[in-house]
C-alpha cells in the first residue's frame, strides 16, 4: 500500500509540473505584463528597471523554475487589475466557491444515489420512467441555459428567490459564510441547483445502470434462493457492489463542480473564484489566470489521488493485484 501511495504521489507531482509548464507557457507570452502594470507616460528606462526587477529578462528555464518555486509557496505575484497579491484575492473569494461547490456536491450525491436506487429497483414503474426522461434535461441542456431558466421562473416570474449575488454573509473566524443567514441560504438555492443538476442526473443514471447489472448477477439470484430479504439484497449486496464506478465518477465530478463553477458564478454573479477568473480574462490579468489554472489542476490531482486510495478500501481485488492483501 505504501509503495502504491508513493507511486501515485510521484505521478501527481509530475502532472502538476506539466500543468505548471503549460500554464507558464500559455500565460507568460499573452501580451507584455509590464504594459499592463504601468501607464502610457512611464519612461522606457523605468519599464526596463521593472522588467529586470521582476526577472522577465531571465532565460526561460530560470523564469519557469522561479514560477514553480513561488507556486509551491503559494505566491503567484500581484494582480495587474486590482494591484493586490493574487493569493489574498483567491483566499477572499474561496469561501463563496467552496460553499457553492460543497452544497452542489452534496445535493448531487444524495439525490443522484436515491433516485438511481429507486429507478433501478422499480425500473418498470411510471415514476421511474418519468425520472429517466426528465434526467435527459439535466444531461442535455447547457448549465448557463438551466441557470437562466431558473432565474426566469423563480426570481422574475414568482419572485421567490434572489437572482444574483451571495446575500448577507457573516464572519466566522475569518471565513465569510452565507450558511448562517436567511438571505445567504436563499441566494444559494438557484446556483446550487444549477451546478448540481448535470452531476445529479449523471450519478442517477450511472447508479441505475450499475445496480440493474448487479441485480442480474448469479450471487444475487443465489441470495434470493436462500431467502435473504429483498431489502438486504438491494442495500447490503447490490448497492455496495455498484459503488466502485460511482466513486470514480463522483470524485471526478467533484473536481468538475469546482472547476466549472465559473459558468454558474458568471450567470448568478456569485462572488467566487470562478467569477474572479472571468473578470481577469477580460483584462488579461495573467497572474490570476495562472494561479486559477494551477489551483484547479491541484484540486483534480488531489481528488484523483483520493479516489484511487478509496478504490483499495472498497474493492479488495485491487489490494490483491498490487500485492497488499494480507
Protein backbone atom coordinates (compact mmCIF):
# COMPACT_ATOMS: atom_id res chain seq x y z
CA UNK A 1 0.00 0.00 0.00
CA UNK A 2 2.85 2.39 0.86
CA UNK A 3 4.53 1.73 -2.49
CA UNK A 4 1.24 2.41 -4.25
CA UNK A 5 0.79 5.72 -2.39
CA UNK A 6 4.36 6.81 -3.17
CA UNK A 7 3.92 5.88 -6.84
CA UNK A 8 0.70 7.85 -7.08
CA UNK A 9 2.29 10.83 -5.30
CA UNK A 10 5.14 10.79 -7.82
CA UNK A 11 2.66 10.72 -10.70
CA UNK A 12 0.71 13.59 -9.13
CA UNK A 13 3.86 15.73 -8.81
CA UNK A 14 4.71 15.02 -12.46
CA UNK A 15 1.21 16.05 -13.55
CA UNK A 16 1.47 19.29 -11.58
CA UNK A 17 4.83 20.07 -13.19
CA UNK A 18 3.34 19.54 -16.67
CA UNK A 19 0.38 21.77 -15.81
CA UNK A 20 2.77 24.38 -14.41
CA UNK A 21 4.77 24.31 -17.66
CA UNK A 22 1.64 24.66 -19.80
CA UNK A 23 0.33 27.43 -17.57
CA UNK A 24 3.66 29.25 -17.69
CA UNK A 25 3.98 28.96 -21.47
CA UNK A 26 0.37 29.95 -22.16
CA UNK A 27 0.15 32.96 -19.94
CA UNK A 28 3.73 34.26 -19.90
CA UNK A 29 3.50 35.23 -23.53
CA UNK A 30 -0.03 36.67 -23.55
CA UNK A 31 0.87 40.29 -24.08
CA UNK A 32 3.50 42.30 -22.23
CA UNK A 33 2.94 42.20 -18.45
CA UNK A 34 4.85 45.46 -17.99
CA UNK A 35 2.46 47.24 -20.34
CA UNK A 36 -0.43 46.00 -18.20
CA UNK A 37 1.14 47.28 -14.98
CA UNK A 38 2.32 50.78 -15.97
CA UNK A 39 0.74 53.79 -17.58
CA UNK A 40 1.47 55.22 -21.01
CA UNK A 41 3.56 58.04 -19.53
CA UNK A 42 6.05 55.68 -17.87
CA UNK A 43 9.55 56.05 -19.21
CA UNK A 44 11.23 53.23 -21.10
CA UNK A 45 14.07 53.19 -18.57
CA UNK A 46 11.61 52.72 -15.72
CA UNK A 47 9.88 49.94 -17.64
CA UNK A 48 13.24 48.25 -18.20
CA UNK A 49 14.07 48.50 -14.47
CA UNK A 50 10.72 46.94 -13.60
CA UNK A 51 11.26 44.18 -16.17
CA UNK A 52 14.67 43.44 -14.63
CA UNK A 53 13.27 43.50 -11.08
CA UNK A 54 10.52 41.02 -11.98
CA UNK A 55 13.02 38.72 -13.66
CA UNK A 56 11.42 38.96 -17.08
CA UNK A 57 14.84 39.27 -18.74
CA UNK A 58 15.99 35.93 -17.28
CA UNK A 59 16.23 32.83 -19.50
CA UNK A 60 13.09 30.72 -19.94
CA UNK A 61 14.19 27.89 -17.65
CA UNK A 62 15.12 30.34 -14.86
CA UNK A 63 11.73 32.03 -15.09
CA UNK A 64 9.95 28.65 -15.06
CA UNK A 65 11.98 27.45 -12.07
CA UNK A 66 11.15 30.63 -10.15
CA UNK A 67 7.49 30.23 -11.16
CA UNK A 68 7.35 26.67 -9.76
CA UNK A 69 9.18 27.61 -6.53
CA UNK A 70 6.84 30.55 -5.95
CA UNK A 71 3.77 28.42 -6.79
CA UNK A 72 4.80 25.82 -4.20
CA UNK A 73 4.95 28.64 -1.65
CA UNK A 74 1.55 29.93 -2.75
CA UNK A 75 2.96 33.07 -4.33
CA UNK A 76 1.59 33.99 -7.74
CA UNK A 77 2.54 37.66 -7.83
CA UNK A 78 0.41 40.79 -7.91
CA UNK A 79 -2.86 41.12 -9.81
CA UNK A 80 -2.44 43.57 -12.70
CA UNK A 81 -6.06 44.72 -12.38
CA UNK A 82 -6.53 45.01 -8.63
CA UNK A 83 -2.89 45.53 -7.57
CA UNK A 84 -3.25 43.04 -4.72
CA UNK A 85 -1.47 39.73 -4.01
CA UNK A 86 -3.15 37.01 -6.05
CA UNK A 87 -3.32 34.55 -3.17
CA UNK A 88 -5.07 37.14 -0.99
CA UNK A 89 -7.67 37.61 -3.73
CA UNK A 90 -8.21 33.88 -4.14
CA UNK A 91 -8.43 33.29 -0.39
CA UNK A 92 -11.00 36.07 -0.05
CA UNK A 93 -13.12 34.55 -2.86
CA UNK A 94 -12.61 30.87 -1.97
CA UNK A 95 -15.35 30.62 0.73
CA UNK A 96 -18.04 31.56 -1.80
CA UNK A 97 -16.88 28.97 -4.33
CA UNK A 98 -16.30 26.21 -1.77
CA UNK A 99 -19.71 26.70 -0.15
CA UNK A 100 -21.40 26.59 -3.55
CA UNK A 101 -19.40 23.52 -4.65
CA UNK A 102 -19.97 21.73 -1.33
CA UNK A 103 -23.72 22.31 -1.42
CA UNK A 104 -23.95 21.25 -5.06
CA UNK A 105 -21.88 18.10 -4.49
CA UNK A 106 -23.97 17.00 -1.50
CA UNK A 107 -27.18 17.69 -3.42
CA UNK A 108 -25.96 15.78 -6.49
CA UNK A 109 -24.67 12.82 -4.49
CA UNK A 110 -27.67 12.37 -2.19
CA UNK A 111 -30.32 12.91 -4.83
CA UNK A 112 -28.39 11.00 -7.50
CA UNK A 113 -27.93 7.94 -5.28
CA UNK A 114 -31.52 7.96 -4.02
CA UNK A 115 -33.06 8.40 -7.46
CA UNK A 116 -30.64 5.90 -9.03
CA UNK A 117 -31.54 3.19 -6.49
CA UNK A 118 -35.25 3.92 -6.83
CA UNK A 119 -35.25 3.76 -10.64
CA UNK A 120 -33.20 0.55 -10.53
CA UNK A 121 -35.48 -1.22 -8.05
CA UNK A 122 -38.69 -0.02 -9.73
CA UNK A 123 -37.37 0.10 -13.28
CA UNK A 124 -40.75 -0.53 -14.91
CA UNK A 125 -42.72 1.93 -12.80
CA UNK A 126 -44.33 5.07 -14.18
CA UNK A 127 -42.38 7.34 -11.80
CA UNK A 128 -39.10 5.72 -12.83
CA UNK A 129 -39.81 6.26 -16.49
CA UNK A 130 -40.69 9.89 -15.82
CA UNK A 131 -37.46 10.39 -13.84
CA UNK A 132 -35.37 8.82 -16.60
CA UNK A 133 -37.00 11.05 -19.20
CA UNK A 134 -36.60 14.15 -17.02
CA UNK A 135 -32.94 13.29 -16.40
CA UNK A 136 -32.26 13.88 -20.09
CA UNK A 137 -32.90 17.57 -19.42
CA UNK A 138 -30.09 17.71 -16.87
CA UNK A 139 -27.69 15.84 -19.12
CA UNK A 140 -28.53 17.61 -22.38
CA UNK A 141 -29.07 21.28 -21.53
CA UNK A 142 -26.07 23.60 -21.02
CA UNK A 143 -25.53 24.85 -17.47
CA UNK A 144 -25.96 28.50 -18.33
CA UNK A 145 -29.32 27.79 -20.02
CA UNK A 146 -30.59 25.93 -16.94
CA UNK A 147 -29.48 28.85 -14.75
CA UNK A 148 -31.22 31.42 -16.93
CA UNK A 149 -34.40 29.33 -16.95
CA UNK A 150 -34.40 29.02 -13.15
CA UNK A 151 -33.83 32.77 -12.79
CA UNK A 152 -36.76 33.49 -15.10
CA UNK A 153 -39.16 31.16 -13.28
CA UNK A 154 -38.21 31.51 -9.60
CA UNK A 155 -36.78 35.05 -9.50
CA UNK A 156 -38.53 37.00 -12.25
CA UNK A 157 -41.98 35.38 -12.50
CA UNK A 158 -42.53 34.00 -8.98
CA UNK A 159 -40.18 36.30 -7.06
CA UNK A 160 -39.39 33.58 -4.54
CA UNK A 161 -35.59 33.59 -4.72
CA UNK A 162 -32.86 36.18 -5.48
CA UNK A 163 -31.44 36.11 -8.98
CA UNK A 164 -27.86 37.17 -8.27
CA UNK A 165 -25.30 37.77 -5.54
CA UNK A 166 -24.46 35.87 -2.39
CA UNK A 167 -26.80 37.61 0.05
CA UNK A 168 -25.74 38.62 3.53
CA UNK A 169 -22.69 36.89 5.00
CA UNK A 170 -21.22 36.72 8.49
CA UNK A 171 -17.61 36.42 9.58
CA UNK A 172 -16.88 33.08 11.23
CA UNK A 173 -13.24 33.16 12.32
CA UNK A 174 -12.09 34.79 9.08
CA UNK A 175 -14.43 32.67 6.93
CA UNK A 176 -17.22 34.67 5.29
CA UNK A 177 -20.17 32.28 5.26
CA UNK A 178 -23.69 32.62 3.95
CA UNK A 179 -24.89 29.45 5.66
CA UNK A 180 -25.91 31.35 8.80
CA UNK A 181 -28.15 33.98 7.22
CA UNK A 182 -31.54 33.64 5.58
CA UNK A 183 -30.60 35.75 2.56
CA UNK A 184 -27.39 33.75 2.18
CA UNK A 185 -29.24 30.44 2.14
CA UNK A 186 -31.91 31.75 -0.25
CA UNK A 187 -29.23 33.08 -2.60
CA UNK A 188 -27.56 29.68 -2.60
CA UNK A 189 -30.60 27.71 -3.80
CA UNK A 190 -30.66 28.54 -7.52
CA UNK A 191 -26.87 28.41 -8.14
CA UNK A 192 -26.58 25.12 -6.22
CA UNK A 193 -29.40 23.50 -8.20
CA UNK A 194 -27.95 24.79 -11.47
CA UNK A 195 -24.48 23.49 -10.70
CA UNK A 196 -25.62 20.12 -9.35
CA UNK A 197 -28.23 19.19 -11.96
CA UNK A 198 -25.83 17.69 -14.50
CA UNK A 199 -23.88 15.72 -11.88
CA UNK A 200 -27.11 14.59 -10.21
CA UNK A 201 -28.56 13.10 -13.37
CA UNK A 202 -25.22 11.56 -14.30
CA UNK A 203 -24.92 9.82 -10.91
CA UNK A 204 -28.56 8.72 -11.07
CA UNK A 205 -28.19 7.09 -14.48
CA UNK A 206 -24.88 5.50 -13.50
CA UNK A 207 -26.22 4.04 -10.25
CA UNK A 208 -29.30 2.73 -12.04
CA UNK A 209 -27.30 1.03 -14.80
CA UNK A 210 -24.73 -0.50 -12.45
CA UNK A 211 -27.30 -1.68 -9.94
CA UNK A 212 -29.51 -3.29 -12.58
CA UNK A 213 -26.44 -5.11 -13.90
CA UNK A 214 -25.53 -6.36 -10.42
CA UNK A 215 -29.13 -7.43 -9.75
CA UNK A 216 -28.85 -9.84 -12.68
CA UNK A 217 -25.69 -11.50 -11.37
CA UNK A 218 -25.58 -15.06 -10.05
CA UNK A 219 -24.81 -14.26 -6.43
CA UNK A 220 -27.91 -12.07 -6.23
CA UNK A 221 -30.00 -14.90 -7.63
CA UNK A 222 -28.38 -17.24 -5.12
CA UNK A 223 -29.18 -14.82 -2.27
CA UNK A 224 -32.82 -14.74 -3.37
CA UNK A 225 -32.88 -18.55 -3.49
CA UNK A 226 -31.56 -18.64 0.09
CA UNK A 227 -34.45 -16.47 1.21
CA UNK A 228 -32.42 -13.35 2.01
CA UNK A 229 -34.82 -10.39 2.45
CA UNK A 230 -35.12 -8.21 -0.65
CA UNK A 231 -34.22 -5.04 1.27
CA UNK A 232 -30.95 -6.62 2.40
CA UNK A 233 -30.21 -7.77 -1.17
CA UNK A 234 -30.86 -4.28 -2.53
CA UNK A 235 -28.88 -2.25 0.01
CA UNK A 236 -26.49 -4.77 1.52
CA UNK A 237 -25.32 -6.56 -1.63
CA UNK A 238 -26.35 -4.83 -4.87
CA UNK A 239 -25.78 -1.20 -3.87
CA UNK A 240 -22.43 -1.94 -2.24
CA UNK A 241 -21.11 -3.57 -5.41
CA UNK A 242 -22.13 -0.63 -7.57
CA UNK A 243 -20.10 1.85 -5.56
CA UNK A 244 -16.70 1.48 -7.28
CA UNK A 245 -17.69 3.16 -10.58
CA UNK A 246 -19.88 5.56 -8.63
CA UNK A 247 -16.91 6.63 -6.51
CA UNK A 248 -14.88 7.23 -9.66
CA UNK A 249 -17.46 9.39 -11.36
CA UNK A 250 -18.42 11.21 -8.17
CA UNK A 251 -14.82 12.04 -7.38
CA UNK A 252 -14.09 13.34 -10.85
CA UNK A 253 -17.36 15.26 -10.92
CA UNK A 254 -16.49 16.93 -7.61
CA UNK A 255 -13.43 18.40 -9.30
CA UNK A 256 -15.59 19.42 -12.24
CA UNK A 257 -18.02 21.17 -9.91
CA UNK A 258 -15.23 23.37 -8.56
CA UNK A 259 -13.58 23.88 -11.93
CA UNK A 260 -16.69 24.62 -13.94
CA UNK A 261 -18.44 26.66 -11.26
CA UNK A 262 -17.09 29.52 -13.34
CA UNK A 263 -20.16 29.35 -15.63
CA UNK A 264 -22.68 29.26 -12.78
CA UNK A 265 -20.86 32.03 -10.90
CA UNK A 266 -20.96 34.20 -14.00
CA UNK A 267 -24.69 33.63 -14.59
CA UNK A 268 -25.60 34.36 -10.96
CA UNK A 269 -22.81 36.93 -10.35
CA UNK A 270 -21.71 34.72 -7.47
CA UNK A 271 -18.58 36.39 -5.97
CA UNK A 272 -16.34 33.32 -6.07
CA UNK A 273 -13.01 32.36 -7.62
CA UNK A 274 -14.65 31.47 -10.94
CA UNK A 275 -16.09 34.95 -11.36
CA UNK A 276 -12.69 36.39 -10.43
CA UNK A 277 -11.14 34.28 -13.20
CA UNK A 278 -13.65 35.50 -15.81
CA UNK A 279 -13.06 39.13 -14.80
CA UNK A 280 -9.31 38.53 -15.04
CA UNK A 281 -9.58 37.01 -18.52
CA UNK A 282 -11.37 40.14 -19.75
CA UNK A 283 -8.35 42.31 -18.86
CA UNK A 284 -5.63 39.64 -19.40
CA UNK A 285 -4.69 39.56 -15.71
CA UNK A 286 -2.03 36.86 -16.20
CA UNK A 287 -1.07 36.15 -12.54
CA UNK A 288 -4.69 35.46 -11.55
CA UNK A 289 -5.27 33.29 -14.64
CA UNK A 290 -2.13 31.24 -13.98
CA UNK A 291 -2.97 30.82 -10.28
CA UNK A 292 -6.51 29.68 -11.10
CA UNK A 293 -5.27 27.07 -13.57
CA UNK A 294 -2.72 25.75 -11.08
CA UNK A 295 -5.23 25.56 -8.25
CA UNK A 296 -7.83 23.76 -10.36
CA UNK A 297 -5.18 21.26 -11.50
CA UNK A 298 -4.19 20.75 -7.87
CA UNK A 299 -7.82 20.06 -6.92
CA UNK A 300 -8.14 17.45 -9.69
CA UNK A 301 -4.86 15.78 -8.70
CA UNK A 302 -5.82 15.57 -5.03
CA UNK A 303 -9.29 14.23 -5.84
CA UNK A 304 -7.92 11.61 -8.24
CA UNK A 305 -5.42 10.52 -5.60
CA UNK A 306 -8.18 10.24 -3.00
CA UNK A 307 -10.36 8.26 -5.42
CA UNK A 308 -7.54 5.81 -6.17
CA UNK A 309 -6.91 5.28 -2.47
CA UNK A 310 -10.62 4.79 -1.87
CA UNK A 311 -10.63 2.08 -4.55
CA UNK A 312 -8.34 -0.01 -2.42
CA UNK A 313 -10.60 0.39 0.57
CA UNK A 314 -13.80 -0.53 -1.28
CA UNK A 315 -12.55 -3.22 -3.67
CA UNK A 316 -10.33 -5.95 -2.10
CA UNK A 317 -9.40 -7.28 -5.58
CA UNK A 318 -7.24 -4.21 -6.19
CA UNK A 319 -5.30 -4.85 -2.99
CA UNK A 320 -4.64 -8.38 -4.21
CA UNK A 321 -3.47 -7.17 -7.63
CA UNK A 322 -0.95 -4.80 -6.04
CA UNK A 323 0.25 -7.38 -3.56
CA UNK A 324 -1.05 -5.57 -0.49
CA UNK A 325 -3.62 -8.11 0.56
CA UNK A 326 -2.99 -9.90 3.84
